[in-house]
Amino acid sequence: MKELIKQVEQLVHDELHRANKKFPLFNSTHEGLAVIQEELWEAENELKGIGEAKENLDRAVYLNVFDTAMLNKLAIIDLDKLQERAVKSACELIQAAAMCEKFKLSLDIKEKREEE
């Protein structure tokens, strides 16, 4: 898990770098909050999709749908959906983490300007 955390932290850093190339630092705390809220909302929507895909997979397993070839294909479709939603959720949360870092950087810049 430690290695995975390091890799995710690098992805957060890379996402922050990409975002900073496209968009300047936040102009206000309200803007920073709004962007973070949007990323978290998107992640929550993906997580809801995970719940739905998991319920479908649960039903498939508990009803023994793996016993027939056609139902096996349906279960694989549910697994594909679950995997896709999990990856998208991870991406949204990486973006949220990057925006948290961007918010902190924006606050540092604002604080330095106020000190001058």
Protein backbone atom coordinates (compact mmCIF):
# COMPACT_ATOMS: atom_id res chain seq x y z
CA MET A 1 0.00 0.00 0.00
CA LYS A 2 2.88 2.39 0.76
CA GLU A 3 4.14 2.13 -2.81
CA LEU A 4 0.66 2.74 -4.18
CA ILE A 5 0.26 5.82 -1.97
CA LYS A 6 3.54 7.21 -3.33
CA GLN A 7 2.33 6.62 -6.88
CA VAL A 8 -0.99 8.32 -6.16
CA GLU A 9 0.81 11.28 -4.58
CA GLN A 10 2.84 11.57 -7.79
CA LEU A 11 -0.39 11.49 -9.82
CA VAL A 12 -1.76 14.30 -7.61
CA HIS A 13 1.40 16.31 -8.27
CA ASP A 14 1.16 15.66 -12.02
CA GLU A 15 -2.53 16.66 -12.06
CA LEU A 16 -1.73 19.87 -10.17
CA HIS A 17 0.97 20.67 -12.73
CA ARG A 18 -1.48 20.07 -15.61
CA ALA A 19 -4.17 22.17 -13.95
CA ASN A 20 -1.77 25.03 -13.24
CA LYS A 21 -0.70 25.10 -16.90
CA LYS A 22 -4.35 25.48 -17.98
CA PHE A 23 -5.72 27.67 -15.19
CA PRO A 24 -4.17 30.24 -12.83
CA LEU A 25 -4.22 29.90 -9.07
CA PHE A 26 -7.55 30.60 -7.41
CA ASN A 27 -8.53 34.25 -7.11
CA SER A 28 -10.50 33.73 -3.93
CA THR A 29 -11.27 31.19 -1.25
CA HIS A 30 -14.77 30.93 -2.71
CA GLU A 31 -13.38 29.90 -6.09
CA GLY A 32 -11.10 27.32 -4.48
CA LEU A 33 -13.95 25.89 -2.46
CA ALA A 34 -16.24 25.73 -5.50
CA VAL A 35 -13.67 23.84 -7.57
CA ILE A 36 -13.01 21.34 -4.78
CA GLN A 37 -16.74 20.87 -4.23
CA GLU A 38 -17.21 20.17 -7.94
CA GLU A 39 -14.49 17.51 -7.95
CA LEU A 40 -15.94 15.87 -4.84
CA TRP A 41 -19.44 15.95 -6.32
CA GLU A 42 -18.14 14.22 -9.45
CA ALA A 43 -16.38 11.61 -7.30
CA GLU A 44 -19.55 11.02 -5.29
CA ASN A 45 -21.50 10.43 -8.51
CA GLU A 46 -18.95 7.86 -9.63
CA LEU A 47 -19.13 6.19 -6.22
CA LYS A 48 -22.90 5.94 -6.54
CA GLY A 49 -22.32 4.13 -9.82
CA ILE A 50 -19.97 1.77 -8.00
CA GLY A 51 -22.76 0.99 -5.55
CA GLU A 52 -25.16 0.17 -8.37
CA ALA A 53 -22.63 -2.03 -10.18
CA LYS A 54 -21.76 -3.79 -6.92
CA GLU A 55 -25.43 -4.54 -6.23
CA ASN A 56 -25.78 -6.04 -9.72
CA LEU A 57 -22.67 -8.15 -9.17
CA ASP A 58 -23.91 -9.24 -5.73
CA ARG A 59 -27.16 -10.42 -7.27
CA ALA A 60 -25.28 -12.26 -10.00
CA VAL A 61 -23.06 -14.08 -7.50
CA TYR A 62 -25.78 -14.89 -4.98
CA LEU A 63 -28.17 -16.09 -7.68
CA ASN A 64 -25.40 -18.26 -9.17
CA VAL A 65 -25.59 -16.62 -12.58
CA PHE A 66 -22.06 -17.78 -13.27
CA ASP A 67 -23.51 -21.23 -13.91
CA THR A 68 -24.50 -20.41 -17.48
CA ALA A 69 -22.49 -18.87 -20.29
CA MET A 70 -24.99 -16.07 -21.02
CA LEU A 71 -25.33 -15.05 -17.40
CA ASN A 72 -21.56 -15.25 -17.03
CA LYS A 73 -21.28 -12.61 -19.78
CA LEU A 74 -23.74 -10.39 -17.88
CA ALA A 75 -21.65 -10.70 -14.72
CA ILE A 76 -18.52 -9.76 -16.65
CA ILE A 77 -20.33 -6.66 -17.94
CA ASP A 78 -21.09 -5.76 -14.30
CA LEU A 79 -17.43 -6.31 -13.39
CA ASP A 80 -16.37 -4.06 -16.27
CA LYS A 81 -18.77 -1.34 -15.09
CA LEU A 82 -17.53 -1.67 -11.52
CA GLN A 83 -13.91 -1.43 -12.64
CA GLU A 84 -14.60 1.57 -14.88
CA ARG A 85 -16.44 3.42 -12.10
CA ALA A 86 -13.66 2.62 -9.62
CA VAL A 87 -11.02 4.06 -11.97
CA LYS A 88 -13.11 7.18 -12.67
CA SER A 89 -13.72 7.65 -8.93
CA ALA A 90 -9.99 7.43 -8.29
CA CYS A 91 -9.36 10.02 -11.02
CA GLU A 92 -11.91 12.42 -9.57
CA LEU A 93 -10.41 12.04 -6.10
CA ILE A 94 -6.92 12.64 -7.48
CA GLN A 95 -8.24 15.84 -9.06
CA ALA A 96 -9.83 16.82 -5.73
CA ALA A 97 -6.52 16.25 -3.94
CA ALA A 98 -4.70 18.33 -6.57
CA MET A 99 -7.21 21.15 -6.13
CA CYS A 100 -6.66 21.05 -2.36
CA GLU A 101 -2.96 21.58 -3.02
CA LYS A 102 -3.77 24.36 -5.51
CA PHE A 103 -5.96 26.01 -2.87
CA LYS A 104 -3.05 25.93 -0.40
CA LEU A 105 -0.72 27.42 -3.02
CA SER A 106 -3.28 30.13 -3.77
CA LEU A 107 -3.48 31.00 -0.06
CA ASP A 108 0.33 31.16 0.18
CA ILE A 109 0.50 33.59 -2.76
CA LYS A 110 -2.29 35.72 -1.29
CA GLU A 111 -0.54 35.80 2.09
CA LYS A 112 2.77 36.84 0.50
CA ARG A 113 1.05 39.65 -1.43
CA GLU A 114 -0.57 40.92 1.76
CA GLU A 115 2.81 40.95 3.52
CA GLU A 116 4.32 43.24 0.86
